[in-house]
Protein backbone atom coordinates (compact mmCIF):
# COMPACT_ATOMS: atom_id res chain seq x y z
CA MET A 1 48.48 39.46 2.16
CA ASN A 2 45.24 37.60 2.71
CA LYS A 3 42.75 38.85 5.26
CA PHE A 4 44.00 37.73 8.65
CA HIS A 5 43.21 38.02 12.38
CA ILE A 6 45.36 37.46 15.45
CA LYS A 7 43.35 36.16 18.40
CA LYS A 8 43.79 34.74 21.89
CA ILE A 9 43.23 31.00 22.08
CA SER A 10 40.17 31.58 24.33
CA GLU A 11 38.54 33.31 21.36
CA ILE A 12 38.90 30.24 19.15
CA ASP A 13 36.56 27.26 18.88
CA GLN A 14 38.22 24.66 21.12
CA ASN A 15 37.63 21.71 18.80
CA LYS A 16 39.18 23.67 15.96
CA LEU A 17 42.12 24.63 18.18
CA TYR A 18 42.65 21.04 19.30
CA LYS A 19 42.75 19.76 15.71
CA PHE A 20 45.30 22.46 14.88
CA TYR A 21 47.51 21.40 17.80
CA GLN A 22 47.33 17.75 16.81
CA ASN A 23 48.17 18.42 13.16
CA SER A 24 50.80 21.12 13.65
CA PHE A 25 52.77 19.94 16.67
CA ASN A 26 52.23 16.18 16.38
CA TYR A 27 51.69 15.73 20.11
CA LYS A 28 50.20 12.28 20.12
CA ASN A 29 47.66 11.34 22.78
CA SER A 30 47.47 14.93 24.01
CA ASP A 31 44.22 16.66 24.90
CA LEU A 32 43.42 20.32 25.51
CA HIS A 33 43.95 19.85 29.26
CA ILE A 34 47.59 19.01 28.57
CA PHE A 35 48.02 22.07 26.37
CA ASN A 36 46.39 24.23 29.04
CA TRP A 37 48.89 22.88 31.55
CA ARG A 38 51.82 23.41 29.17
CA TYR A 39 50.94 27.07 28.73
CA ARG A 40 50.22 27.56 32.44
CA LEU A 41 46.86 29.11 31.63
CA GLY A 42 45.43 31.16 34.49
CA PHE A 43 48.78 32.42 35.73
CA ARG A 44 48.85 36.20 35.21
CA ASN A 45 45.99 35.74 32.69
CA PHE A 46 48.33 35.47 29.70
CA GLU A 47 47.32 33.38 26.68
CA PRO A 48 48.98 32.11 23.51
CA LEU A 49 47.94 33.72 20.22
CA VAL A 50 46.81 32.20 16.94
CA LEU A 51 46.88 33.57 13.42
CA GLU A 52 43.72 33.04 11.39
CA ILE A 53 43.72 33.46 7.62
CA ASP A 54 40.40 33.07 5.81
CA ASP A 55 38.94 31.55 9.00
CA GLU A 56 41.66 28.89 9.14
CA ILE A 57 44.26 28.67 11.93
CA CYS A 58 47.57 29.13 10.14
CA GLY A 59 49.90 30.24 12.91
CA HIS A 60 50.53 30.00 16.62
CA ALA A 61 52.66 31.80 19.20
CA GLY A 62 52.62 29.97 22.52
CA LEU A 63 53.86 31.13 25.88
CA ILE A 64 54.63 30.07 29.42
CA ALA A 65 54.20 32.86 31.96
CA ASN A 66 56.83 33.08 34.67
CA ASP A 67 58.07 35.47 37.31
CA PHE A 68 61.69 36.61 37.22
CA LYS A 69 63.87 38.20 39.84
CA ILE A 70 65.43 41.40 38.50
CA LYS A 71 67.77 42.83 41.10
CA ASP A 72 65.48 43.31 44.12
CA GLU A 73 62.18 43.17 42.25
CA ILE A 74 59.93 40.41 40.96
CA LYS A 75 58.64 41.02 37.44
CA THR A 76 56.59 38.81 35.16
CA GLY A 77 57.90 37.62 31.83
CA ILE A 78 56.92 35.02 29.27
CA TRP A 79 58.70 32.17 27.54
CA PHE A 80 58.08 32.11 23.81
CA THR A 81 57.17 28.56 22.79
CA ASP A 82 55.40 26.52 20.10
CA PHE A 83 55.88 29.08 17.34
CA TYR A 84 54.40 27.87 14.07
CA ILE A 85 53.38 29.24 10.67
CA ASN A 86 51.64 27.03 8.11
CA LYS A 87 54.12 26.21 5.34
CA ASN A 88 51.85 27.81 2.73
CA TYR A 89 52.18 31.19 4.48
CA ARG A 90 55.86 31.26 5.39
CA SER A 91 58.21 33.98 4.12
CA LEU A 92 55.25 36.32 3.64
CA GLY A 93 55.69 38.39 6.81
CA TYR A 94 53.10 36.60 8.95
CA GLY A 95 55.72 35.27 11.37
CA LYS A 96 56.95 38.78 12.08
CA LEU A 97 53.41 40.12 12.55
CA LEU A 98 52.49 37.30 14.92
CA THR A 99 55.68 37.77 16.93
CA GLN A 100 55.09 41.53 17.19
CA ALA A 101 51.57 40.92 18.52
CA TRP A 102 52.93 38.36 20.98
CA MET A 103 55.58 40.82 22.22
CA LYS A 104 52.84 43.26 23.27
CA ILE A 105 51.53 40.79 25.87
CA CYS A 106 54.34 41.32 28.36
CA PRO A 107 57.44 43.56 28.53
CA ILE A 108 59.96 40.76 29.25
CA GLN A 109 60.36 37.83 26.87
CA VAL A 110 62.74 34.88 26.73
CA THR A 111 62.98 31.74 24.64
CA ILE A 112 65.02 28.78 23.51
CA CYS A 113 64.68 28.79 19.74
CA ASN A 114 65.88 27.27 16.50
CA GLU A 115 67.79 29.17 13.81
CA THR A 116 64.64 30.01 11.82
CA SER A 117 62.90 31.67 14.77
CA LEU A 118 66.11 33.38 15.81
CA LYS A 119 66.26 35.19 12.45
CA ILE A 120 62.85 36.73 13.18
CA PHE A 121 63.79 37.69 16.74
CA LYS A 122 67.02 39.35 15.63
CA LYS A 123 65.06 41.52 13.19
CA LEU A 124 62.92 42.64 16.16
CA SER A 125 65.97 43.67 18.25
CA TRP A 126 66.15 40.61 20.48
CA SER A 127 69.49 39.65 21.99
CA TYR A 128 70.79 36.10 22.28
CA ASN A 129 73.71 34.00 23.43
CA ASN A 130 74.86 30.39 23.27
CA ARG A 131 75.81 30.10 26.91
CA PHE A 132 74.08 26.75 27.38
CA ILE A 133 74.66 23.29 25.92
CA ARG A 134 72.18 20.46 25.56
CA ASN A 135 74.09 17.23 26.24
CA LEU A 136 73.02 13.76 25.14
CA LYS A 137 75.09 10.76 26.17
CA ILE A 138 74.66 7.12 25.23
CA SER A 139 74.07 5.01 28.32
CA ASN A 140 73.46 1.64 26.69
CA TYR A 141 75.28 0.96 23.40
CA PHE A 142 73.81 -2.52 22.90
CA SER A 143 70.27 -1.18 22.96
CA LEU A 144 71.01 0.99 19.90
CA ILE A 145 71.23 -2.14 17.75
CA PRO A 146 67.75 -2.75 16.25
CA THR A 147 67.47 -6.29 17.57
CA PHE A 148 68.01 -5.02 21.11
CA LYS A 149 65.35 -2.28 21.02
CA LYS A 150 62.84 -2.47 23.81
CA SER A 151 59.05 -2.16 23.74
CA ASP A 152 57.36 1.20 23.64
CA LEU A 153 56.11 0.92 27.21
CA ILE A 154 57.74 2.81 30.05
CA ASN A 155 57.72 0.71 33.21
CA ILE A 156 60.12 2.28 35.64
CA THR A 157 61.71 0.52 38.61
CA THR A 158 62.94 2.96 41.24
CA ILE A 159 66.04 2.46 43.34
CA ASN A 160 67.74 3.80 46.43
CA SER A 161 71.47 3.65 47.00
CA LYS A 162 73.83 4.93 49.65
CA ASP A 163 74.16 8.40 48.16
CA LEU A 164 71.13 8.58 45.86
CA MET A 165 67.88 8.63 47.84
CA LEU A 166 64.42 8.72 46.29
CA ARG A 167 62.01 11.38 47.55
CA GLU A 168 58.24 11.20 47.61
CA ILE A 169 56.54 13.52 45.12
CA ASP A 170 54.19 15.31 47.49
CA ASN A 171 53.53 18.71 49.06
CA HIS A 172 56.27 18.19 51.66
CA THR A 173 58.95 17.60 49.02
CA ILE A 174 57.64 20.52 46.96
CA SER A 175 58.00 22.79 50.00
CA ILE A 176 61.60 21.64 50.47
CA LEU A 177 62.40 22.31 46.80
CA ALA A 178 60.80 25.76 47.03
CA ARG A 179 62.83 26.72 50.12
CA GLU A 180 66.07 25.62 48.47
CA SER A 181 65.16 27.55 45.34
CA GLU A 182 64.36 30.72 47.28
CA ASN A 183 67.74 30.52 49.02
CA PHE A 184 69.46 30.17 45.65
CA LEU A 185 67.36 33.04 44.25
CA SER A 186 68.44 35.42 47.03
CA LYS A 187 72.01 35.32 45.69
CA LYS A 188 71.11 36.20 42.10
CA SER A 189 70.58 39.54 40.34
CA PHE A 190 68.56 37.86 37.57
CA ALA A 191 66.96 34.44 37.85
CA ILE A 192 63.80 32.46 37.26
CA VAL A 193 61.44 32.44 40.22
CA ARG A 194 60.72 28.82 41.06
CA ASP A 195 58.50 29.16 44.10
CA GLU A 196 56.05 26.72 45.67
CA ASN A 197 53.24 27.50 43.22
CA TRP A 198 55.66 27.05 40.35
CA PHE A 199 56.80 23.60 41.55
CA LYS A 200 53.20 22.51 42.17
CA TRP A 201 52.28 23.46 38.61
CA ARG A 202 55.39 21.98 37.03
CA ILE A 203 55.61 18.75 39.07
CA LEU A 204 52.44 17.94 41.02
CA ASP A 205 50.06 18.97 38.22
CA CYS A 206 52.19 17.56 35.41
CA PRO A 207 50.21 15.12 33.22
CA TYR A 208 53.38 13.01 32.95
CA LYS A 209 54.08 12.92 36.69
CA LYS A 210 54.28 9.13 36.71
CA ASN A 211 57.52 9.37 34.75
CA ILE A 212 59.08 12.00 37.05
CA PHE A 213 61.34 11.07 39.97
CA ILE A 214 63.03 13.22 42.60
CA PHE A 215 66.33 12.08 44.08
CA ASN A 216 68.53 13.62 46.75
CA TYR A 217 72.27 13.30 46.30
CA LYS A 218 74.30 14.52 49.30
CA GLY A 219 71.95 17.44 49.94
CA THR A 220 71.31 18.27 46.27
CA ASP A 221 67.89 17.49 44.83
CA ILE A 222 67.85 16.15 41.28
CA ILE A 223 64.60 15.78 39.32
CA ILE A 224 64.58 13.40 36.39
CA GLU A 225 61.98 12.46 33.81
CA VAL A 226 62.10 9.29 31.75
CA LYS A 227 60.78 9.83 28.24
CA LEU A 228 60.25 7.67 25.21
CA LYS A 229 61.35 8.89 21.76
CA TYR A 230 61.69 6.75 18.65
CA LYS A 231 61.41 3.68 20.92
CA PHE A 232 64.42 4.77 22.94
CA LYS A 233 64.26 5.57 26.64
CA ILE A 234 65.85 8.88 27.58
CA LEU A 235 66.63 9.97 31.13
CA ASN A 236 66.29 13.76 31.15
CA ILE A 237 67.80 15.56 34.14
CA ILE A 238 65.24 18.35 34.23
CA TYR A 239 66.21 20.14 37.46
CA ILE A 240 69.12 20.36 39.90
CA SER A 241 68.61 22.37 43.09
CA LYS A 242 72.16 23.78 43.08
CA PRO A 243 75.22 23.65 40.82
CA ILE A 244 76.96 20.31 40.98
CA GLU A 245 79.93 18.77 39.17
CA ILE A 246 79.37 15.05 38.80
CA ASN A 247 79.38 12.19 36.30
CA PHE A 248 75.64 11.70 35.81
CA LEU A 249 76.13 8.44 33.94
CA GLY A 250 77.94 7.06 36.95
CA LEU A 251 75.49 8.48 39.47
CA PHE A 252 72.46 6.92 37.78
CA SER A 253 74.22 3.77 36.52
CA LYS A 254 72.07 1.35 38.56
CA PHE A 255 68.86 3.15 37.61
CA ILE A 256 69.93 3.17 33.95
CA LYS A 257 70.78 -0.52 33.94
CA LYS A 258 67.63 -1.61 35.77
CA ASN A 259 65.36 0.36 33.43
CA ASN A 260 67.22 -0.19 30.14
CA ILE A 261 67.78 3.54 29.61
CA ASN A 262 69.34 4.29 26.20
CA PHE A 263 70.38 7.93 26.65
CA ILE A 264 70.89 10.46 29.42
CA SER A 265 70.42 14.16 28.69
CA TYR A 266 70.99 17.40 30.58
CA ILE A 267 71.85 21.08 30.15
CA SER A 268 75.22 22.51 31.09
CA ASN A 269 76.92 25.88 30.73
CA ASN A 270 78.92 26.41 27.58
CA LYS A 271 82.36 27.37 28.86
CA LYS A 272 84.14 27.02 25.54
CA LEU A 273 85.62 30.00 23.76
CA LEU A 274 84.43 28.60 20.44
CA ASN A 275 81.03 27.11 19.68
CA ILE A 276 82.46 23.75 18.62
CA ASN A 277 80.59 20.88 20.21
CA LEU A 278 81.31 17.19 20.46
CA PRO A 279 78.89 14.69 18.87
CA TRP A 280 75.61 14.42 20.78
CA SER A 281 75.98 17.97 22.16
CA ARG A 282 74.20 21.01 20.79
CA LYS A 283 74.45 24.68 21.61
CA LEU A 284 71.15 26.31 22.59
CA ASN A 285 70.00 29.65 21.24
CA PHE A 286 68.86 31.51 24.35
CA ALA A 287 67.13 34.67 23.09
CA PHE A 288 65.60 37.47 25.17
CA TYR A 289 64.02 40.90 24.86
CA SER A 290 63.00 43.85 26.98
CA GLU A 291 62.36 47.46 26.04
CA ASN A 292 64.51 48.28 29.05
CA SER A 293 68.10 47.99 27.81
CA SER A 294 69.47 47.58 31.34
CA ILE A 295 67.31 44.48 31.85
CA LYS A 296 68.55 43.02 28.55
CA SER A 297 72.13 43.63 29.66
CA LEU A 298 71.44 42.06 33.04
CA ILE A 299 69.99 38.92 31.46
CA ASP A 300 72.92 38.61 29.08
CA ARG A 301 75.50 39.14 31.80
CA ASP A 302 74.08 37.31 34.81
CA PHE A 303 71.65 34.57 33.76
CA ASP A 304 73.41 31.23 34.27
CA ASP A 305 70.74 28.81 35.49
CA LEU A 306 68.75 27.43 32.57
CA GLN A 307 67.27 23.96 33.11
CA TYR A 308 65.06 21.60 31.13
CA ILE A 309 62.20 22.21 33.52
CA ASP A 310 61.98 25.94 32.75
CA SER A 311 60.67 26.16 29.19
CA ASP A 312 59.31 23.86 26.53
CA ILE A 313 62.72 22.38 25.74
CA ASP A 314 61.91 19.28 27.80
CA PHE A 315 59.08 18.48 25.37
CA ILE A 316 61.06 18.87 22.15
């Protein structure tokens, strides 16, 4: 192995770090402020780690700090995100070393990961399940034909209908969302704590807030974000205040038509006995770790409320 160091991102030259982010993660038009928001820097004083080899940044282990309800207690955990090893240093053990250093930051860790990362986590005694499905549905078949593709600008026209009412994105709405979330949380033995500070960070402070909309459907709040990928518009349902069984394509049909939305995407529970998915659906690897085996068992048994808004999956 070459001489290497694992450091907090605050210990790295910020211009050097920014260039690494741009080259490694291909987040166009992003600045360090956006990365700082993504990693929720300042909350519980946790920071992502970088791997330096010969004074070059060659690896990264990101995180999003979050509180979790575990039975009757609130404990802090971290989402593992933006894991990267330079291709020249892969399969040499650096990924495992970086992950081990990252795991020392906090005793509870969770992530949504790909198969490559999952192999590393399994070697480090993480548990995982495929309880959740990422769904992608075509909402406008004609727009998939190249001649019908739209411009790369997102100009969104909002709508109200009889059952689907648009909410203002302000402190009042955030307080309503937080109260609903706390009521939901009280019924769970393990769940993500989405309190008022969490919603302010995730919604009010979001650099992409202009593309986020909050609707109320018969007492259920639904948060959506319209994103652009490969010149297609995608309506991501990033948060639902309580479980709901509904045809989302039908519910947002007017919004989809008015804004030329190409796809609609959301997470649902995987209730199938076999992991066989239809086209445009993909099982998610939800992995988790705690030195406390009872907490691992609790997460595996009782966690059933994963949403786009929780981790970095909304950005992938």
